[in-house]
Amino acid sequence: MKSLAELQAIRDKAKANINLRKENPNAARVYVGMATCGIAAGARPVLNAFTEEIAKRGLQEDIMVTQTGCIGICQYEPVVEVEIPGEEKVTYVKMTPERVARVVNDHLVNRNVVTEFTIGAYT
């Protein structure tokens, strides 16, 4: 950076990127547990699979994918929580990239929880 103008250009570019990410208050939210236990269990490929599947379907405005810290149930990692406004939160456990397309299609698009992937199926 050699001038104040360059600094202002960087600031303007950053502001534009932030404005692109304005949140839809009615959007569903997918939280992927990315604490060390989740990462060790394979949460990063799960996070990437959610991001790619949602982008492939053009659902970025309706579904937000976010990484979060420890969800507190390490033995069931990778853990994913899905929150849809007006509905009860659903916790998916032992998630894999292969299961992501089904969760997106069945739960996030068609509003049918994939019960065999939920924590209730494992406890």
C-alpha atoms as a PDB file:
ATOM      1  CA  MET A   1       0.000   0.000   0.000  1.00  0.00           C
ATOM      2  CA  LYS A   2       1.583   3.206  -1.145  1.00  0.00           C
ATOM      3  CA  SER A   3      -1.133   5.802  -0.807  1.00  0.00           C
ATOM      4  CA  LEU A   4      -4.292   6.796   0.984  1.00  0.00           C
ATOM      5  CA  ALA A   5      -6.200   6.214  -2.260  1.00  0.00           C
ATOM      6  CA  GLU A   6      -5.102   2.565  -2.294  1.00  0.00           C
ATOM      7  CA  LEU A   7      -6.259   2.150   1.291  1.00  0.00           C
ATOM      8  CA  GLN A   8      -9.640   3.691   0.442  1.00  0.00           C
ATOM      9  CA  ALA A   9      -9.966   1.359  -2.569  1.00  0.00           C
ATOM     10  CA  ILE A  10      -9.331  -1.655  -0.315  1.00  0.00           C
ATOM     11  CA  ARG A  11     -11.915  -0.359   2.170  1.00  0.00           C
ATOM     12  CA  ASP A  12     -14.494   0.193  -0.574  1.00  0.00           C
ATOM     13  CA  LYS A  13     -13.954  -3.298  -1.954  1.00  0.00           C
ATOM     14  CA  ALA A  14     -14.369  -4.822   1.517  1.00  0.00           C
ATOM     15  CA  LYS A  15     -17.569  -2.841   2.104  1.00  0.00           C
ATOM     16  CA  ALA A  16     -18.981  -4.028  -1.223  1.00  0.00           C
ATOM     17  CA  ASN A  17     -18.303  -7.648  -0.262  1.00  0.00           C
ATOM     18  CA  ILE A  18     -20.031  -7.168   3.073  1.00  0.00           C
ATOM     19  CA  ASN A  19     -23.078  -5.663   1.362  1.00  0.00           C
ATOM     20  CA  LEU A  20     -23.284  -8.715  -0.901  1.00  0.00           C
ATOM     21  CA  ARG A  21     -23.644 -10.899   2.180  1.00  0.00           C
ATOM     22  CA  LYS A  22     -26.685  -9.183   3.684  1.00  0.00           C
ATOM     23  CA  GLU A  23     -28.657 -11.718   5.601  1.00  0.00           C
ATOM     24  CA  ASN A  24     -32.156 -12.815   4.729  1.00  0.00           C
ATOM     25  CA  PRO A  25     -34.050 -12.936   8.067  1.00  0.00           C
ATOM     26  CA  ASN A  26     -36.217 -15.778   6.706  1.00  0.00           C
ATOM     27  CA  ALA A  27     -33.280 -17.879   5.544  1.00  0.00           C
ATOM     28  CA  ALA A  28     -32.719 -21.355   6.891  1.00  0.00           C
ATOM     29  CA  ARG A  29     -29.409 -21.763   8.675  1.00  0.00           C
ATOM     30  CA  VAL A  30     -27.025 -24.687   8.590  1.00  0.00           C
ATOM     31  CA  TYR A  31     -24.409 -24.732  11.344  1.00  0.00           C
ATOM     32  CA  VAL A  32     -21.483 -27.126  10.920  1.00  0.00           C
ATOM     33  CA  GLY A  33     -19.510 -27.835  14.104  1.00  0.00           C
ATOM     34  CA  MET A  34     -15.902 -26.935  13.302  1.00  0.00           C
ATOM     35  CA  ALA A  35     -14.157 -27.313  16.657  1.00  0.00           C
ATOM     36  CA  THR A  36     -11.073 -29.540  16.663  1.00  0.00           C
ATOM     37  CA  CYS A  37     -13.151 -32.665  17.281  1.00  0.00           C
ATOM     38  CA  GLY A  38     -15.422 -31.873  14.338  1.00  0.00           C
ATOM     39  CA  ILE A  39     -12.542 -31.093  12.014  1.00  0.00           C
ATOM     40  CA  ALA A  40     -10.765 -34.310  13.035  1.00  0.00           C
ATOM     41  CA  ALA A  41     -13.963 -36.271  12.329  1.00  0.00           C
ATOM     42  CA  GLY A  42     -14.388 -34.787   8.830  1.00  0.00           C
ATOM     43  CA  ALA A  43     -16.458 -31.635   9.267  1.00  0.00           C
ATOM     44  CA  ARG A  44     -14.568 -29.602   6.648  1.00  0.00           C
ATOM     45  CA  PRO A  45     -15.635 -31.828   3.707  1.00  0.00           C
ATOM     46  CA  VAL A  46     -19.203 -31.724   5.093  1.00  0.00           C
ATOM     47  CA  LEU A  47     -19.106 -27.910   5.228  1.00  0.00           C
ATOM     48  CA  ASN A  48     -17.753 -27.798   1.671  1.00  0.00           C
ATOM     49  CA  ALA A  49     -20.428 -30.236   0.472  1.00  0.00           C
ATOM     50  CA  PHE A  50     -23.219 -28.081   1.956  1.00  0.00           C
ATOM     51  CA  THR A  51     -21.779 -24.951   0.378  1.00  0.00           C
ATOM     52  CA  GLU A  52     -21.412 -26.617  -3.026  1.00  0.00           C
ATOM     53  CA  GLU A  53     -24.850 -28.290  -2.998  1.00  0.00           C
ATOM     54  CA  ILE A  54     -26.613 -25.077  -2.012  1.00  0.00           C
ATOM     55  CA  ALA A  55     -24.712 -23.096  -4.663  1.00  0.00           C
ATOM     56  CA  LYS A  56     -25.442 -25.747  -7.301  1.00  0.00           C
ATOM     57  CA  ARG A  57     -29.164 -25.402  -6.574  1.00  0.00           C
ATOM     58  CA  GLY A  58     -29.018 -21.593  -6.438  1.00  0.00           C
ATOM     59  CA  LEU A  59     -30.281 -21.472  -2.853  1.00  0.00           C
ATOM     60  CA  GLN A  60     -27.680 -19.077  -1.381  1.00  0.00           C
ATOM     61  CA  GLU A  61     -30.330 -16.440  -0.634  1.00  0.00           C
ATOM     62  CA  ASP A  62     -32.576 -18.931   1.169  1.00  0.00           C
ATOM     63  CA  ILE A  63     -30.026 -21.024   3.080  1.00  0.00           C
ATOM     64  CA  MET A  64     -27.014 -19.750   5.002  1.00  0.00           C
ATOM     65  CA  VAL A  65     -24.192 -22.148   5.803  1.00  0.00           C
ATOM     66  CA  THR A  66     -22.073 -21.194   8.778  1.00  0.00           C
ATOM     67  CA  GLN A  67     -19.330 -22.855  10.722  1.00  0.00           C
ATOM     68  CA  THR A  68     -19.583 -22.830  14.488  1.00  0.00           C
ATOM     69  CA  GLY A  69     -17.488 -24.012  17.391  1.00  0.00           C
ATOM     70  CA  CYS A  70     -18.109 -26.936  19.677  1.00  0.00           C
ATOM     71  CA  ILE A  71     -21.689 -28.152  19.730  1.00  0.00           C
ATOM     72  CA  GLY A  72     -20.895 -30.404  22.698  1.00  0.00           C
ATOM     73  CA  ILE A  73     -21.520 -33.929  21.464  1.00  0.00           C
ATOM     74  CA  CYS A  74     -18.076 -34.949  20.252  1.00  0.00           C
ATOM     75  CA  GLN A  75     -18.859 -38.656  19.985  1.00  0.00           C
ATOM     76  CA  TYR A  76     -21.366 -37.871  17.210  1.00  0.00           C
ATOM     77  CA  GLU A  77     -19.133 -35.629  15.060  1.00  0.00           C
ATOM     78  CA  PRO A  78     -19.403 -34.301  12.438  1.00  0.00           C
ATOM     79  CA  VAL A  79     -22.484 -32.525  13.803  1.00  0.00           C
ATOM     80  CA  VAL A  80     -24.738 -30.235  11.765  1.00  0.00           C
ATOM     81  CA  GLU A  81     -27.622 -28.195  13.129  1.00  0.00           C
ATOM     82  CA  VAL A  82     -30.401 -26.982  10.851  1.00  0.00           C
ATOM     83  CA  GLU A  83     -32.612 -24.093  11.893  1.00  0.00           C
ATOM     84  CA  ILE A  84     -35.581 -23.087   9.769  1.00  0.00           C
ATOM     85  CA  PRO A  85     -37.562 -20.072  11.003  1.00  0.00           C
ATOM     86  CA  GLY A  86     -40.754 -21.191  12.727  1.00  0.00           C
ATOM     87  CA  GLU A  87     -39.597 -24.805  13.051  1.00  0.00           C
ATOM     88  CA  GLU A  88     -37.751 -26.781  15.697  1.00  0.00           C
ATOM     89  CA  LYS A  89     -33.962 -27.043  15.391  1.00  0.00           C
ATOM     90  CA  VAL A  90     -32.747 -30.393  14.028  1.00  0.00           C
ATOM     91  CA  THR A  91     -29.367 -31.899  14.905  1.00  0.00           C
ATOM     92  CA  TYR A  92     -27.792 -34.211  12.351  1.00  0.00           C
ATOM     93  CA  VAL A  93     -24.929 -36.410  13.529  1.00  0.00           C
ATOM     94  CA  LYS A  94     -22.180 -38.492  11.970  1.00  0.00           C
ATOM     95  CA  MET A  95     -22.657 -36.433   8.820  1.00  0.00           C
ATOM     96  CA  THR A  96     -20.757 -37.237   5.667  1.00  0.00           C
ATOM     97  CA  PRO A  97     -20.462 -35.359   2.373  1.00  0.00           C
ATOM     98  CA  GLU A  98     -22.537 -38.141   0.795  1.00  0.00           C
ATOM     99  CA  ARG A  99     -25.486 -37.415   3.116  1.00  0.00           C
ATOM    100  CA  VAL A 100     -25.505 -33.673   2.415  1.00  0.00           C
ATOM    101  CA  ALA A 101     -27.483 -33.764  -0.865  1.00  0.00           C
ATOM    102  CA  ARG A 102     -30.266 -35.704   0.841  1.00  0.00           C
ATOM    103  CA  VAL A 103     -30.459 -33.279   3.779  1.00  0.00           C
ATOM    104  CA  VAL A 104     -30.551 -30.308   1.403  1.00  0.00           C
ATOM    105  CA  ASN A 105     -33.200 -31.875  -0.826  1.00  0.00           C
ATOM    106  CA  ASP A 106     -35.419 -33.532   1.770  1.00  0.00           C
ATOM    107  CA  HIS A 107     -35.125 -31.183   4.741  1.00  0.00           C
ATOM    108  CA  LEU A 108     -34.094 -27.762   3.494  1.00  0.00           C
ATOM    109  CA  VAL A 109     -36.056 -27.785   0.232  1.00  0.00           C
ATOM    110  CA  ASN A 110     -39.004 -30.116   0.928  1.00  0.00           C
ATOM    111  CA  ARG A 111     -39.217 -29.647   4.736  1.00  0.00           C
ATOM    112  CA  ASN A 112     -39.022 -33.362   5.579  1.00  0.00           C
ATOM    113  CA  VAL A 113     -36.485 -34.116   8.314  1.00  0.00           C
ATOM    114  CA  VAL A 114     -34.159 -37.013   7.466  1.00  0.00           C
ATOM    115  CA  THR A 115     -34.742 -38.765  10.793  1.00  0.00           C
ATOM    116  CA  GLU A 116     -32.236 -41.573  10.268  1.00  0.00           C
ATOM    117  CA  PHE A 117     -29.406 -38.994  10.263  1.00  0.00           C
ATOM    118  CA  THR A 118     -30.576 -37.165  13.417  1.00  0.00           C
ATOM    119  CA  ILE A 119     -29.258 -37.500  16.918  1.00  0.00           C
ATOM    120  CA  GLY A 120     -32.489 -39.257  17.932  1.00  0.00           C
ATOM    121  CA  ALA A 121     -31.594 -42.194  15.689  1.00  0.00           C
ATOM    122  CA  TYR A 122     -28.301 -42.693  17.566  1.00  0.00           C
ATOM    123  CA  THR A 123     -29.331 -42.264  21.192  1.00  0.00           C
END
